[in-house]
Amino acid sequence: MPKRAPSYKGLKPASKRARNAARGASKKVGTRCELLLRRSLRARGLRFKVNVASLPGCPDIAFPEARLAVFCDGDFWHGRGLKTRLRRLTKGHNAEYWVAKIRANVRRDARLARALRKAGWRTMRLWESDIERDSERTADRVERGMNRR
């Protein structure tokens, strides 16, 4: 039975303008952290594919030979420090909507990781702030992950 998309019935963004601003500020591809990581990986001579739509979740970076899919996840949208983040969101404006949205994103990420595993791929989820803080160290992690089979 196929999974249904999360329902936000009855939950609304604060306004159309707020929704559009949030979506516009959330770049989907070619984010700063992706570009930093890709530059570090290329400097090591590693070859990869970018935004592979044929794989579940359209990984930001994929190493087909190693069957490794890498996601560069934004701290807010993908729920870094989830308990603390949800607690903060419950105190903010339009709390129900945002809590449901972030929880749905976290569940979707887990579902996509399972789908990739089932297809014979390994996944790495890297946090935006870790990549931006030290892209070389993050590239080390990816390189080690490629060598693990």
Protein backbone atom coordinates (compact mmCIF):
# COMPACT_ATOMS: atom_id res chain seq x y z
CA MET A 1 0.00 0.00 0.00
CA PRO A 2 1.57 3.32 -1.03
CA LYS A 3 2.34 5.87 1.64
CA ARG A 4 0.07 8.89 1.70
CA ALA A 5 1.45 12.36 1.77
CA PRO A 6 1.12 14.06 5.16
CA SER A 7 -2.06 16.01 5.60
CA TYR A 8 -1.98 19.61 6.71
CA LYS A 9 -5.78 19.82 6.63
CA GLY A 10 -6.91 22.62 8.88
CA LEU A 11 -3.36 23.93 9.24
CA LYS A 12 -2.38 27.02 7.34
CA PRO A 13 0.70 29.16 6.97
CA ALA A 14 0.42 32.52 8.65
CA SER A 15 -0.35 34.16 5.31
CA LYS A 16 0.18 33.66 1.61
CA ARG A 17 3.03 36.14 1.79
CA ALA A 18 4.67 34.24 4.69
CA ARG A 19 4.30 30.93 2.83
CA ASN A 20 5.85 32.35 -0.32
CA ALA A 21 8.69 33.95 1.63
CA ALA A 22 9.47 30.66 3.38
CA ARG A 23 9.42 28.70 0.13
CA GLY A 24 11.48 31.30 -1.66
CA ALA A 25 14.09 31.37 1.08
CA SER A 26 14.39 27.60 1.00
CA LYS A 27 16.51 26.87 -2.03
CA LYS A 28 16.09 23.28 -3.22
CA VAL A 29 19.25 22.67 -5.23
CA GLY A 30 22.68 24.24 -5.37
CA THR A 31 22.62 25.47 -1.80
CA ARG A 32 25.71 26.99 -0.24
CA CYS A 33 26.45 23.88 1.81
CA GLU A 34 26.06 21.61 -1.25
CA LEU A 35 28.45 23.75 -3.27
CA LEU A 36 31.03 23.78 -0.45
CA LEU A 37 30.89 20.01 -0.07
CA ARG A 38 31.02 19.38 -3.82
CA ARG A 39 34.07 21.63 -4.13
CA SER A 40 35.84 19.71 -1.34
CA LEU A 41 34.95 16.35 -2.89
CA ARG A 42 36.12 17.40 -6.37
CA ALA A 43 39.42 18.67 -4.93
CA ARG A 44 40.03 15.10 -3.76
CA GLY A 45 39.45 13.79 -7.26
CA LEU A 46 36.13 12.18 -6.38
CA ARG A 47 33.54 11.94 -9.13
CA PHE A 48 29.84 11.97 -8.38
CA LYS A 49 26.42 12.75 -9.77
CA VAL A 50 24.30 15.67 -8.56
CA ASN A 51 20.57 15.71 -7.81
CA VAL A 52 19.86 12.21 -9.08
CA ALA A 53 16.11 12.29 -9.74
CA SER A 54 15.98 8.56 -10.53
CA LEU A 55 16.76 7.73 -6.88
CA PRO A 56 14.29 8.09 -4.01
CA GLY A 57 14.59 11.54 -2.49
CA CYS A 58 16.74 12.89 -5.34
CA PRO A 59 20.04 12.80 -3.37
CA ASP A 60 22.12 15.97 -3.49
CA ILE A 61 25.23 13.93 -4.27
CA ALA A 62 25.41 10.30 -5.39
CA PHE A 63 28.32 7.96 -5.91
CA PRO A 64 26.85 5.23 -8.13
CA GLU A 65 29.90 2.96 -8.00
CA ALA A 66 29.93 3.01 -4.20
CA ARG A 67 26.09 3.08 -4.10
CA LEU A 68 26.23 5.97 -1.64
CA ALA A 69 23.60 8.72 -1.58
CA VAL A 70 24.47 11.93 0.27
CA PHE A 71 21.92 14.48 1.47
CA CYS A 72 22.89 17.96 2.65
CA ASP A 73 20.07 18.71 5.07
CA GLY A 74 19.12 22.15 6.33
CA ASP A 75 19.12 22.25 10.13
CA PHE A 76 15.66 23.84 10.39
CA TRP A 77 13.75 22.01 7.66
CA HIS A 78 15.08 18.55 8.48
CA GLY A 79 14.80 18.81 12.26
CA ARG A 80 18.29 19.01 13.69
CA GLY A 81 17.96 18.87 17.48
CA LEU A 82 14.37 17.79 16.92
CA LYS A 83 13.12 17.82 20.53
CA THR A 84 14.47 21.30 21.19
CA ARG A 85 13.29 22.57 17.80
CA LEU A 86 9.75 21.24 18.33
CA ARG A 87 9.61 22.73 21.82
CA ARG A 88 10.60 26.13 20.40
CA LEU A 89 8.12 25.85 17.56
CA THR A 90 5.24 25.14 19.96
CA LYS A 91 5.85 28.57 21.50
CA GLY A 92 5.86 30.41 18.18
CA HIS A 93 3.33 31.70 15.71
CA ASN A 94 1.21 29.08 13.89
CA ALA A 95 2.77 26.35 16.03
CA GLU A 96 0.57 23.46 14.89
CA TYR A 97 1.46 24.00 11.26
CA TRP A 98 5.22 24.20 11.85
CA VAL A 99 5.40 21.24 14.23
CA ALA A 100 3.45 19.10 11.75
CA LYS A 101 5.62 20.31 8.87
CA ILE A 102 8.98 19.54 10.50
CA ARG A 103 7.78 16.17 11.85
CA ALA A 104 6.54 15.23 8.38
CA ASN A 105 9.92 16.17 6.88
CA VAL A 106 11.75 13.97 9.41
CA ARG A 107 9.40 11.03 8.70
CA ARG A 108 9.84 11.52 4.95
CA ASP A 109 13.64 11.51 5.32
CA ALA A 110 13.48 8.19 7.22
CA ARG A 111 11.11 6.68 4.63
CA LEU A 112 13.41 7.69 1.77
CA ALA A 113 16.45 6.24 3.56
CA ARG A 114 14.59 2.92 3.90
CA ALA A 115 13.68 2.99 0.18
CA LEU A 116 17.31 3.62 -0.76
CA ARG A 117 18.49 0.82 1.55
CA LYS A 118 15.98 -1.53 -0.03
CA ALA A 119 17.37 -0.59 -3.45
CA GLY A 120 20.90 -1.45 -2.27
CA TRP A 121 22.12 2.08 -1.50
CA ARG A 122 23.65 3.48 1.67
CA THR A 123 22.77 6.99 2.77
CA MET A 124 24.57 9.78 4.56
CA ARG A 125 22.66 12.74 5.94
CA LEU A 126 24.89 15.70 6.61
CA TRP A 127 23.84 18.86 8.42
CA GLU A 128 24.12 22.19 6.68
CA SER A 129 25.87 23.89 9.61
CA ASP A 130 28.48 21.09 9.89
CA ILE A 131 29.31 21.40 6.19
CA GLU A 132 29.53 25.19 6.38
CA ARG A 133 31.66 25.06 9.53
CA ASP A 134 34.19 22.61 8.05
CA SER A 135 33.58 21.26 4.56
CA GLU A 136 36.92 19.42 4.52
CA ARG A 137 36.08 17.43 7.63
CA THR A 138 32.66 16.63 6.19
CA ALA A 139 34.28 15.53 2.92
CA ASP A 140 36.51 13.21 5.00
CA ARG A 141 33.37 11.58 6.38
CA VAL A 142 31.95 11.12 2.89
CA GLU A 143 35.20 9.65 1.61
CA ARG A 144 35.32 7.19 4.53
CA GLY A 145 31.67 6.34 3.84
CA MET A 146 32.51 5.55 0.21
CA ASN A 147 35.18 3.11 1.28
CA ARG A 148 32.83 1.24 3.63
CA ARG A 149 30.87 -1.45 1.85
